[in-house]
Amino acid sequence: MVENPHIEDEEILDERQTQLVSYLDGELDDTQMNAVEQSLINDPDMRSHADILSRTWSMLDALDDVSASKQFTQATLASISAESVSAESARPDANFRKFKQAMARYRIVPCFVAGLIGGAAGLFLSHAAWDRREQRGDAAINRAVLENFELLQNTDLYSIIPDVDSLRELKLPEDPSATKAAVQKGGVE
């Protein structure tokens, strides 16, 4: 299955950003803090990002606290969620994108479905092959019965003959009804 590198890159970036924010807030233990500091030393992009975050928080700390009314907050959140839902449903590939992301995240589901389909197909094919083999076997038996029908009609005649050599010595005529009459009289004509 093909993995989506874009999703994995986003997950790695989100993890690094979370780790960086936790570092700036002082929420990490010593080991994690040392690991982030080492990354900051080695990665200029991460260092730049940390600097931008730090300056942004400094500017936010300098601002006066402003509070909005409860109604304003509720109305804003309601309009944002309504707009995001309508924008999400307006995009034709939104559901397909969600499906692809779920499949990339949970790789076992497609494998399980493929296994079920393969198993069902295998059972169906083996059952069909078994039926075909049984039909061919029944046809062969029917063909053998039809080819030896006269022989099977006279099985009572052959029960009194001990072996094949005795049968050859009798020199029976070609007509089976004459053979039956001769055997019942006790001899061959």
N, C-alpha and C. Protein backbone atom coordinates (compact mmCIF):
# COMPACT_ATOMS: atom_id res chain seq x y z
N MET A 1 0.85 -1.16 0.00
CA MET A 1 0.00 0.00 0.00
C MET A 1 0.90 1.23 0.00
N VAL A 2 0.52 2.25 -0.73
CA VAL A 2 1.31 3.46 -0.86
C VAL A 2 0.99 4.37 0.32
N GLU A 3 2.02 4.83 1.01
CA GLU A 3 1.82 5.71 2.14
C GLU A 3 1.83 7.15 1.64
N ASN A 4 1.13 8.03 2.36
CA ASN A 4 1.05 9.42 1.99
C ASN A 4 2.10 10.19 2.77
N PRO A 5 3.21 10.62 2.12
CA PRO A 5 4.27 11.31 2.85
C PRO A 5 3.82 12.68 3.35
N HIS A 6 2.81 13.28 2.68
CA HIS A 6 2.33 14.59 3.10
C HIS A 6 1.71 14.52 4.50
N ILE A 7 0.93 13.48 4.77
CA ILE A 7 0.29 13.31 6.08
C ILE A 7 1.36 13.07 7.14
N GLU A 8 2.34 12.23 6.82
CA GLU A 8 3.40 11.94 7.79
C GLU A 8 4.21 13.20 8.08
N ASP A 9 4.49 14.04 7.06
CA ASP A 9 5.23 15.28 7.27
C ASP A 9 4.44 16.22 8.19
N GLU A 10 3.12 16.31 7.97
CA GLU A 10 2.29 17.16 8.83
C GLU A 10 2.32 16.68 10.27
N GLU A 11 2.26 15.35 10.46
CA GLU A 11 2.29 14.80 11.82
C GLU A 11 3.62 15.11 12.50
N ILE A 12 4.72 15.00 11.75
CA ILE A 12 6.04 15.29 12.31
C ILE A 12 6.14 16.77 12.66
N LEU A 13 5.65 17.65 11.76
CA LEU A 13 5.69 19.09 12.04
C LEU A 13 4.82 19.44 13.25
N ASP A 14 3.63 18.85 13.36
CA ASP A 14 2.76 19.10 14.50
C ASP A 14 3.43 18.66 15.79
N GLU A 15 4.09 17.51 15.76
CA GLU A 15 4.78 17.00 16.94
C GLU A 15 5.94 17.92 17.34
N ARG A 16 6.70 18.37 16.34
CA ARG A 16 7.82 19.27 16.64
C ARG A 16 7.31 20.61 17.17
N GLN A 17 6.22 21.12 16.60
CA GLN A 17 5.66 22.39 17.06
C GLN A 17 5.16 22.25 18.50
N THR A 18 4.47 21.15 18.80
CA THR A 18 3.98 20.92 20.15
C THR A 18 5.14 20.85 21.13
N GLN A 19 6.19 20.17 20.73
CA GLN A 19 7.37 20.04 21.58
C GLN A 19 8.03 21.41 21.80
N LEU A 20 8.09 22.23 20.75
CA LEU A 20 8.68 23.56 20.84
C LEU A 20 7.86 24.47 21.75
N VAL A 21 6.54 24.41 21.62
CA VAL A 21 5.66 25.23 22.47
C VAL A 21 5.81 24.78 23.93
N SER A 22 5.86 23.48 24.16
CA SER A 22 6.05 22.98 25.53
C SER A 22 7.39 23.42 26.08
N TYR A 23 8.41 23.48 25.24
CA TYR A 23 9.74 23.95 25.67
C TYR A 23 9.68 25.42 26.07
N LEU A 24 9.04 26.24 25.23
CA LEU A 24 8.96 27.67 25.53
C LEU A 24 8.11 27.95 26.77
N ASP A 25 7.11 27.10 27.04
CA ASP A 25 6.28 27.25 28.23
C ASP A 25 6.95 26.67 29.47
N GLY A 26 8.06 25.92 29.29
CA GLY A 26 8.77 25.31 30.42
C GLY A 26 8.07 24.09 30.96
N GLU A 27 7.37 23.34 30.11
CA GLU A 27 6.60 22.18 30.53
C GLU A 27 7.34 20.86 30.35
N LEU A 28 8.57 20.87 29.86
CA LEU A 28 9.30 19.62 29.58
C LEU A 28 10.21 19.25 30.74
N ASP A 29 10.48 17.94 30.86
CA ASP A 29 11.46 17.51 31.86
C ASP A 29 12.87 17.74 31.31
N ASP A 30 13.87 17.47 32.12
CA ASP A 30 15.26 17.79 31.73
C ASP A 30 15.70 17.07 30.46
N THR A 31 15.35 15.79 30.32
CA THR A 31 15.77 15.03 29.14
C THR A 31 15.15 15.61 27.87
N GLN A 32 13.85 15.85 27.93
CA GLN A 32 13.16 16.40 26.76
C GLN A 32 13.67 17.81 26.45
N MET A 33 13.94 18.58 27.50
CA MET A 33 14.43 19.94 27.31
C MET A 33 15.79 19.92 26.61
N ASN A 34 16.68 18.99 27.04
CA ASN A 34 17.99 18.87 26.40
C ASN A 34 17.85 18.47 24.94
N ALA A 35 16.90 17.58 24.64
CA ALA A 35 16.69 17.14 23.26
C ALA A 35 16.23 18.31 22.39
N VAL A 36 15.31 19.15 22.90
CA VAL A 36 14.82 20.29 22.13
C VAL A 36 15.95 21.31 21.95
N GLU A 37 16.73 21.55 23.00
CA GLU A 37 17.85 22.49 22.89
C GLU A 37 18.87 22.01 21.86
N GLN A 38 19.10 20.71 21.81
CA GLN A 38 20.02 20.14 20.81
C GLN A 38 19.45 20.34 19.41
N SER A 39 18.14 20.16 19.26
CA SER A 39 17.50 20.39 17.95
C SER A 39 17.59 21.85 17.55
N LEU A 40 17.43 22.75 18.51
CA LEU A 40 17.53 24.18 18.22
C LEU A 40 18.94 24.54 17.77
N ILE A 41 19.95 23.90 18.35
CA ILE A 41 21.33 24.17 17.96
C ILE A 41 21.59 23.68 16.54
N ASN A 42 21.06 22.51 16.21
CA ASN A 42 21.35 21.86 14.92
C ASN A 42 20.44 22.31 13.78
N ASP A 43 19.25 22.81 14.08
CA ASP A 43 18.27 23.10 13.04
C ASP A 43 17.97 24.60 12.99
N PRO A 44 18.48 25.33 11.99
CA PRO A 44 18.23 26.77 11.93
C PRO A 44 16.75 27.11 11.70
N ASP A 45 16.01 26.26 10.97
CA ASP A 45 14.58 26.52 10.76
C ASP A 45 13.82 26.45 12.08
N MET A 46 14.15 25.46 12.88
CA MET A 46 13.49 25.32 14.18
C MET A 46 13.86 26.48 15.10
N ARG A 47 15.10 26.91 15.04
CA ARG A 47 15.57 28.03 15.84
C ARG A 47 14.81 29.30 15.43
N SER A 48 14.66 29.51 14.14
CA SER A 48 13.93 30.68 13.64
C SER A 48 12.47 30.63 14.07
N HIS A 49 11.87 29.47 13.99
CA HIS A 49 10.48 29.29 14.39
C HIS A 49 10.32 29.57 15.89
N ALA A 50 11.25 29.08 16.70
CA ALA A 50 11.21 29.32 18.14
C ALA A 50 11.35 30.81 18.44
N ASP A 51 12.21 31.50 17.70
CA ASP A 51 12.40 32.94 17.90
C ASP A 51 11.11 33.69 17.56
N ILE A 52 10.46 33.32 16.45
CA ILE A 52 9.21 33.97 16.05
C ILE A 52 8.13 33.75 17.11
N LEU A 53 8.01 32.51 17.60
CA LEU A 53 7.01 32.21 18.64
C LEU A 53 7.30 33.02 19.90
N SER A 54 8.54 33.08 20.28
CA SER A 54 8.92 33.80 21.50
C SER A 54 8.59 35.28 21.37
N ARG A 55 8.90 35.89 20.22
CA ARG A 55 8.60 37.31 20.02
C ARG A 55 7.09 37.55 19.96
N THR A 56 6.37 36.62 19.36
CA THR A 56 4.91 36.76 19.27
C THR A 56 4.30 36.74 20.66
N TRP A 57 4.75 35.83 21.52
CA TRP A 57 4.21 35.76 22.87
C TRP A 57 4.60 37.00 23.68
N SER A 58 5.77 37.52 23.43
CA SER A 58 6.18 38.76 24.12
C SER A 58 5.26 39.91 23.73
N MET A 59 4.94 40.00 22.45
CA MET A 59 4.03 41.06 21.98
C MET A 59 2.63 40.86 22.55
N LEU A 60 2.18 39.62 22.62
CA LEU A 60 0.85 39.35 23.18
C LEU A 60 0.81 39.68 24.66
N ASP A 61 1.91 39.43 25.37
CA ASP A 61 1.95 39.74 26.79
C ASP A 61 1.89 41.25 27.02
N ALA A 62 2.39 42.04 26.07
CA ALA A 62 2.40 43.49 26.20
C ALA A 62 1.02 44.09 25.97
N LEU A 63 0.12 43.37 25.31
CA LEU A 63 -1.22 43.89 25.04
C LEU A 63 -2.08 43.88 26.30
N ASP A 64 -3.01 44.81 26.35
CA ASP A 64 -3.96 44.84 27.45
C ASP A 64 -4.98 43.73 27.24
N ASP A 65 -5.48 43.20 28.36
CA ASP A 65 -6.51 42.16 28.27
C ASP A 65 -7.82 42.80 27.82
N VAL A 66 -8.41 42.23 26.81
CA VAL A 66 -9.69 42.69 26.31
C VAL A 66 -10.62 41.49 26.35
N SER A 67 -11.79 41.69 26.86
CA SER A 67 -12.73 40.58 26.92
C SER A 67 -13.94 40.89 26.05
N ALA A 68 -14.40 39.91 25.40
CA ALA A 68 -15.58 40.05 24.56
C ALA A 68 -16.78 39.56 25.34
N SER A 69 -17.94 40.01 24.93
CA SER A 69 -19.15 39.55 25.62
C SER A 69 -19.38 38.08 25.29
N LYS A 70 -20.12 37.45 26.15
CA LYS A 70 -20.39 36.02 25.95
C LYS A 70 -21.19 35.80 24.67
N GLN A 71 -22.09 36.69 24.34
CA GLN A 71 -22.90 36.56 23.12
C GLN A 71 -22.03 36.69 21.87
N PHE A 72 -21.07 37.61 21.91
CA PHE A 72 -20.17 37.78 20.77
C PHE A 72 -19.36 36.50 20.52
N THR A 73 -18.85 35.91 21.60
CA THR A 73 -18.06 34.68 21.48
C THR A 73 -18.91 33.55 20.90
N GLN A 74 -20.12 33.37 21.42
CA GLN A 74 -20.99 32.30 20.94
C GLN A 74 -21.39 32.52 19.48
N ALA A 75 -21.71 33.75 19.11
CA ALA A 75 -22.11 34.04 17.74
C ALA A 75 -20.94 33.82 16.78
N THR A 76 -19.75 34.22 17.19
CA THR A 76 -18.56 34.03 16.35
C THR A 76 -18.27 32.55 16.15
N LEU A 77 -18.29 31.78 17.22
CA LEU A 77 -18.02 30.33 17.12
C LEU A 77 -19.09 29.64 16.27
N ALA A 78 -20.34 30.04 16.41
CA ALA A 78 -21.42 29.44 15.62
C ALA A 78 -21.24 29.75 14.14
N SER A 79 -20.89 30.98 13.82
CA SER A 79 -20.72 31.32 12.40
C SER A 79 -19.50 30.63 11.81
N ILE A 80 -18.44 30.49 12.60
CA ILE A 80 -17.23 29.79 12.10
C ILE A 80 -17.55 28.33 11.84
N SER A 81 -18.25 27.67 12.77
CA SER A 81 -18.55 26.25 12.56
C SER A 81 -19.51 26.06 11.40
N ALA A 82 -20.50 26.96 11.25
CA ALA A 82 -21.44 26.84 10.12
C ALA A 82 -20.71 27.05 8.80
N GLU A 83 -19.80 28.03 8.77
CA GLU A 83 -19.06 28.29 7.55
C GLU A 83 -18.12 27.14 7.21
N SER A 84 -17.48 26.56 8.21
CA SER A 84 -16.56 25.45 7.93
C SER A 84 -17.32 24.22 7.46
N VAL A 85 -18.51 23.98 8.01
CA VAL A 85 -19.32 22.84 7.57
C VAL A 85 -19.78 23.04 6.14
N SER A 86 -20.24 24.27 5.81
CA SER A 86 -20.71 24.50 4.44
C SER A 86 -19.55 24.47 3.45
N ALA A 87 -18.39 25.00 3.85
CA ALA A 87 -17.22 24.95 2.96
C ALA A 87 -16.74 23.52 2.78
N GLU A 88 -16.81 22.73 3.84
CA GLU A 88 -16.37 21.32 3.78
C GLU A 88 -17.29 20.51 2.86
N SER A 89 -18.61 20.75 2.97
CA SER A 89 -19.55 20.00 2.14
C SER A 89 -19.56 20.50 0.71
N ALA A 90 -19.14 21.76 0.48
CA ALA A 90 -19.11 22.31 -0.88
C ALA A 90 -17.98 21.70 -1.70
N ARG A 91 -16.92 21.29 -1.05
CA ARG A 91 -15.80 20.67 -1.78
C ARG A 91 -16.17 19.24 -2.12
N PRO A 92 -16.13 18.86 -3.42
CA PRO A 92 -16.55 17.52 -3.81
C PRO A 92 -15.60 16.43 -3.32
N ASP A 93 -14.34 16.77 -3.13
CA ASP A 93 -13.39 15.74 -2.75
C ASP A 93 -13.16 15.68 -1.24
N ALA A 94 -13.96 16.40 -0.45
CA ALA A 94 -13.75 16.44 0.99
C ALA A 94 -13.93 15.07 1.63
N ASN A 95 -15.01 14.39 1.28
CA ASN A 95 -15.25 13.06 1.85
C ASN A 95 -14.20 12.07 1.38
N PHE A 96 -13.82 12.19 0.13
CA PHE A 96 -12.79 11.28 -0.39
C PHE A 96 -11.46 11.53 0.32
N ARG A 97 -11.15 12.80 0.57
CA ARG A 97 -9.90 13.14 1.27
C ARG A 97 -9.92 12.57 2.68
N LYS A 98 -11.06 12.69 3.37
CA LYS A 98 -11.18 12.12 4.71
C LYS A 98 -11.01 10.61 4.67
N PHE A 99 -11.60 9.99 3.66
CA PHE A 99 -11.47 8.54 3.50
C PHE A 99 -10.01 8.15 3.29
N LYS A 100 -9.31 8.90 2.42
CA LYS A 100 -7.91 8.61 2.17
C LYS A 100 -7.06 8.78 3.43
N GLN A 101 -7.35 9.81 4.19
CA GLN A 101 -6.60 10.03 5.43
C GLN A 101 -6.86 8.92 6.43
N ALA A 102 -8.10 8.49 6.52
CA ALA A 102 -8.41 7.38 7.43
C ALA A 102 -7.72 6.11 6.98
N MET A 103 -7.69 5.85 5.66
CA MET A 103 -7.03 4.66 5.15
C MET A 103 -5.52 4.72 5.38
N ALA A 104 -4.94 5.92 5.26
CA ALA A 104 -3.51 6.07 5.51
C ALA A 104 -3.20 5.88 6.99
N ARG A 105 -4.10 6.34 7.83
CA ARG A 105 -3.87 6.22 9.27
C ARG A 105 -4.11 4.80 9.76
N TYR A 106 -5.18 4.18 9.29
CA TYR A 106 -5.53 2.84 9.74
C TYR A 106 -5.30 1.86 8.59
N ARG A 107 -4.08 1.49 8.36
CA ARG A 107 -3.73 0.64 7.23
C ARG A 107 -4.27 -0.78 7.36
N ILE A 108 -4.62 -1.19 8.54
CA ILE A 108 -5.07 -2.56 8.74
C ILE A 108 -6.47 -2.78 8.17
N VAL A 109 -7.30 -1.73 8.12
CA VAL A 109 -8.67 -1.88 7.62
C VAL A 109 -8.68 -2.33 6.16
N PRO A 110 -7.93 -1.66 5.25
CA PRO A 110 -7.96 -2.14 3.86
C PRO A 110 -7.39 -3.55 3.72
N CYS A 111 -6.38 -3.86 4.52
CA CYS A 111 -5.82 -5.22 4.46
C CYS A 111 -6.86 -6.25 4.91
N PHE A 112 -7.60 -5.92 5.95
CA PHE A 112 -8.63 -6.83 6.45
C PHE A 112 -9.72 -7.02 5.41
N VAL A 113 -10.16 -5.93 4.79
CA VAL A 113 -11.21 -6.01 3.76
C VAL A 113 -10.70 -6.82 2.57
N ALA A 114 -9.46 -6.57 2.15
CA ALA A 114 -8.89 -7.32 1.03
C ALA A 114 -8.80 -8.81 1.39
N GLY A 115 -8.45 -9.11 2.62
CA GLY A 115 -8.40 -10.51 3.06
C GLY A 115 -9.76 -11.16 3.03
N LEU A 116 -10.78 -10.45 3.48
CA LEU A 116 -12.14 -10.99 3.43
C LEU A 116 -12.59 -11.26 2.00
N ILE A 117 -12.32 -10.30 1.12
CA ILE A 117 -12.72 -10.47 -0.28
C ILE A 117 -11.96 -11.64 -0.90
N GLY A 118 -10.66 -11.71 -0.63
CA GLY A 118 -9.86 -12.82 -1.17
C GLY A 118 -10.32 -14.16 -0.64
N GLY A 119 -10.62 -14.22 0.65
CA GLY A 119 -11.10 -15.48 1.23
C GLY A 119 -12.43 -15.91 0.64
N ALA A 120 -13.34 -14.95 0.49
CA ALA A 120 -14.65 -15.27 -0.10
C ALA A 120 -14.49 -15.74 -1.54
N ALA A 121 -13.62 -15.07 -2.30
CA ALA A 121 -13.39 -15.48 -3.69
C ALA A 121 -12.78 -16.88 -3.74
N GLY A 122 -11.85 -17.17 -2.85
CA GLY A 122 -11.24 -18.50 -2.80
C GLY A 122 -12.26 -19.58 -2.49
N LEU A 123 -13.13 -19.32 -1.51
CA LEU A 123 -14.16 -20.30 -1.18
C LEU A 123 -15.12 -20.52 -2.35
N PHE A 124 -15.51 -19.44 -3.00
CA PHE A 124 -16.42 -19.55 -4.14
C PHE A 124 -15.78 -20.37 -5.27
N LEU A 125 -14.53 -20.07 -5.59
CA LEU A 125 -13.85 -20.79 -6.68
C LEU A 125 -13.64 -22.25 -6.34
N SER A 126 -13.27 -22.55 -5.08
CA SER A 126 -13.07 -23.95 -4.72
C SER A 126 -14.39 -24.72 -4.75
N HIS A 127 -15.48 -24.07 -4.33
CA HIS A 127 -16.79 -24.73 -4.38
C HIS A 127 -17.20 -24.99 -5.83
N ALA A 128 -16.96 -24.02 -6.71
CA ALA A 128 -17.30 -24.20 -8.13
C ALA A 128 -16.48 -25.32 -8.75
N ALA A 129 -15.19 -25.39 -8.40
CA ALA A 129 -14.33 -26.46 -8.93
C ALA A 129 -14.78 -27.82 -8.42
N TRP A 130 -15.17 -27.88 -7.16
CA TRP A 130 -15.64 -29.15 -6.58
C TRP A 130 -16.93 -29.60 -7.28
N ASP A 131 -17.84 -28.69 -7.50
CA ASP A 131 -19.08 -29.04 -8.20
C ASP A 131 -18.81 -29.54 -9.61
N ARG A 132 -17.90 -28.87 -10.30
CA ARG A 132 -17.56 -29.28 -11.67
C ARG A 132 -16.94 -30.68 -11.67
N ARG A 133 -16.08 -30.96 -10.68
CA ARG A 133 -15.46 -32.28 -10.61
C ARG A 133 -16.50 -33.35 -10.29
N GLU A 134 -17.44 -33.03 -9.42
CA GLU A 134 -18.50 -33.99 -9.11
C GLU A 134 -19.36 -34.27 -10.34
N GLN A 135 -19.66 -33.22 -11.10
CA GLN A 135 -20.47 -33.40 -12.31
C GLN A 135 -19.73 -34.27 -13.33
N ARG A 136 -18.42 -34.03 -13.47
CA ARG A 136 -17.66 -34.86 -14.40
C ARG A 136 -17.62 -36.31 -13.94
N GLY A 137 -17.50 -36.52 -12.62
CA GLY A 137 -17.50 -37.88 -12.08
C GLY A 137 -18.83 -38.57 -12.31
N ASP A 138 -19.94 -37.86 -12.07
CA ASP A 138 -21.27 -38.42 -12.32
C ASP A 138 -21.46 -38.72 -13.80
N ALA A 139 -20.97 -37.86 -14.66
CA ALA A 139 -21.10 -38.08 -16.11
C ALA A 139 -20.30 -39.31 -16.53
N ALA A 140 -19.12 -39.50 -15.94
CA ALA A 140 -18.31 -40.68 -16.28
C ALA A 140 -19.01 -41.96 -15.83
N ILE A 141 -19.60 -41.93 -14.66
CA ILE A 141 -20.34 -43.12 -14.17
C ILE A 141 -21.53 -43.40 -15.08
N ASN A 142 -22.28 -42.37 -15.44
CA ASN A 142 -23.43 -42.56 -16.34
C ASN A 142 -22.99 -43.10 -17.69
N ARG A 143 -21.87 -42.60 -18.21
CA ARG A 143 -21.37 -43.07 -19.50
C ARG A 143 -20.97 -44.55 -19.40
N ALA A 144 -20.31 -44.95 -18.31
CA ALA A 144 -19.91 -46.35 -18.13
C ALA A 144 -21.13 -47.26 -18.01
N VAL A 145 -22.17 -46.78 -17.31
CA VAL A 145 -23.39 -47.59 -17.18
C VAL A 145 -24.05 -47.77 -18.54
N LEU A 146 -24.12 -46.71 -19.34
CA LEU A 146 -24.74 -46.81 -20.65
C LEU A 146 -23.94 -47.72 -21.59
N GLU A 147 -22.61 -47.64 -21.51
CA GLU A 147 -21.78 -48.47 -22.38
C GLU A 147 -21.90 -49.95 -22.01
N ASN A 148 -22.14 -50.27 -20.75
CA ASN A 148 -22.20 -51.65 -20.30
C ASN A 148 -23.61 -52.04 -19.86
N PHE A 149 -24.60 -51.44 -20.48
CA PHE A 149 -25.98 -51.68 -20.08
C PHE A 149 -26.38 -53.15 -20.26
N GLU A 150 -26.03 -53.74 -21.39
CA GLU A 150 -26.39 -55.14 -21.64
C GLU A 150 -25.70 -56.05 -20.63
N LEU A 151 -24.48 -55.74 -20.29
CA LEU A 151 -23.76 -56.54 -19.31
C LEU A 151 -24.45 -56.46 -17.95
N LEU A 152 -24.88 -55.28 -17.59
CA LEU A 152 -25.53 -55.10 -16.29
C LEU A 152 -26.91 -55.77 -16.25
N GLN A 153 -27.59 -55.90 -17.41
CA GLN A 153 -28.88 -56.57 -17.44
C GLN A 153 -28.73 -58.07 -17.15
N ASN A 154 -27.60 -58.65 -17.51
CA ASN A 154 -27.40 -60.10 -17.38
C ASN A 154 -26.48 -60.47 -16.22
N THR A 155 -26.45 -59.68 -15.20
CA THR A 155 -25.55 -59.99 -14.08
C THR A 155 -25.92 -61.28 -13.38
N ASP A 156 -27.20 -61.66 -13.40
CA ASP A 156 -27.58 -62.93 -12.78
C ASP A 156 -26.98 -64.13 -13.50
N LEU A 157 -26.72 -63.99 -14.81
CA LEU A 157 -26.08 -65.08 -15.56
C LEU A 157 -24.62 -65.25 -15.14
N TYR A 158 -23.98 -64.17 -14.84
CA TYR A 158 -22.55 -64.24 -14.52
C TYR A 158 -22.30 -64.69 -13.09
N SER A 159 -23.29 -64.70 -12.26
CA SER A 159 -23.10 -65.10 -10.86
C SER A 159 -22.87 -66.60 -10.72
N ILE A 160 -23.32 -67.40 -11.69
CA ILE A 160 -23.12 -68.85 -11.58
C ILE A 160 -21.82 -69.31 -12.22
N ILE A 161 -21.12 -68.42 -12.91
CA ILE A 161 -19.85 -68.76 -13.54
C ILE A 161 -18.73 -68.36 -12.58
N PRO A 162 -17.84 -69.30 -12.22
CA PRO A 162 -16.83 -69.01 -11.20
C PRO A 162 -15.74 -68.04 -11.65
N ASP A 163 -15.26 -68.10 -12.91
CA ASP A 163 -14.20 -67.21 -13.35
C ASP A 163 -14.27 -66.99 -14.86
N VAL A 164 -13.36 -66.19 -15.38
CA VAL A 164 -13.37 -65.82 -16.79
C VAL A 164 -13.04 -67.02 -17.68
N ASP A 165 -12.13 -67.87 -17.27
CA ASP A 165 -11.78 -69.04 -18.09
C ASP A 165 -12.97 -69.96 -18.29
N SER A 166 -13.76 -70.15 -17.26
CA SER A 166 -14.96 -70.98 -17.39
C SER A 166 -15.94 -70.36 -18.36
N LEU A 167 -16.01 -69.06 -18.36
CA LEU A 167 -16.90 -68.35 -19.28
C LEU A 167 -16.44 -68.54 -20.72
N ARG A 168 -15.14 -68.51 -20.94
CA ARG A 168 -14.63 -68.71 -22.29
C ARG A 168 -14.87 -70.13 -22.77
N GLU A 169 -14.82 -71.09 -21.91
CA GLU A 169 -15.04 -72.48 -22.28
C GLU A 169 -16.48 -72.73 -22.70
N LEU A 170 -17.39 -71.94 -22.20
CA LEU A 170 -18.80 -72.13 -22.52
C LEU A 170 -19.10 -71.78 -23.97
N LYS A 171 -18.38 -70.89 -24.57
CA LYS A 171 -18.60 -70.44 -25.94
C LYS A 171 -20.06 -70.05 -26.15
N LEU A 172 -20.45 -69.03 -25.42
CA LEU A 172 -21.83 -68.58 -25.46
C LEU A 172 -22.13 -67.88 -26.78
N PRO A 173 -23.38 -67.97 -27.28
CA PRO A 173 -23.76 -67.26 -28.50
C PRO A 173 -23.83 -65.76 -28.25
N GLU A 174 -23.87 -64.99 -29.31
CA GLU A 174 -23.88 -63.53 -29.24
C GLU A 174 -25.17 -63.00 -28.64
N ASP A 175 -26.29 -63.67 -28.83
CA ASP A 175 -27.57 -63.18 -28.36
C ASP A 175 -27.71 -63.46 -26.86
N PRO A 176 -27.82 -62.41 -26.02
CA PRO A 176 -27.91 -62.62 -24.57
C PRO A 176 -29.15 -63.40 -24.15
N SER A 177 -30.28 -63.25 -24.87
CA SER A 177 -31.49 -64.00 -24.47
C SER A 177 -31.30 -65.49 -24.72
N ALA A 178 -30.58 -65.86 -25.79
CA ALA A 178 -30.30 -67.27 -26.05
C ALA A 178 -29.36 -67.82 -25.00
N THR A 179 -28.43 -66.98 -24.55
CA THR A 179 -27.48 -67.40 -23.52
C THR A 179 -28.22 -67.66 -22.22
N LYS A 180 -29.17 -66.82 -21.90
CA LYS A 180 -29.93 -66.98 -20.67
C LYS A 180 -30.74 -68.27 -20.71
N ALA A 181 -31.36 -68.57 -21.85
CA ALA A 181 -32.16 -69.80 -21.99
C ALA A 181 -31.26 -71.03 -21.88
N ALA A 182 -30.04 -70.93 -22.47
CA ALA A 182 -29.13 -72.07 -22.46
C ALA A 182 -28.65 -72.35 -21.04
N VAL A 183 -28.38 -71.30 -20.29
CA VAL A 183 -27.89 -71.47 -18.93
C VAL A 183 -28.99 -72.05 -18.07
N GLN A 184 -30.23 -71.63 -18.30
CA GLN A 184 -31.33 -72.12 -17.49
C GLN A 184 -31.63 -73.59 -17.80
N LYS A 185 -31.36 -74.06 -19.03
CA LYS A 185 -31.57 -75.47 -19.38
C LYS A 185 -30.46 -76.33 -18.81
N GLY A 186 -29.34 -75.67 -18.48
CA GLY A 186 -28.27 -76.45 -17.88
C GLY A 186 -27.15 -76.75 -18.86
N GLY A 187 -27.13 -76.20 -20.01
CA GLY A 187 -26.05 -76.45 -20.94
C GLY A 187 -26.11 -75.51 -22.11
N VAL A 188 -25.11 -75.61 -22.97
CA VAL A 188 -25.02 -74.73 -24.11
C VAL A 188 -25.37 -75.53 -25.34
N GLU A 189 -26.09 -74.94 -26.28
CA GLU A 189 -26.49 -75.62 -27.50
C GLU A 189 -25.43 -75.60 -28.53
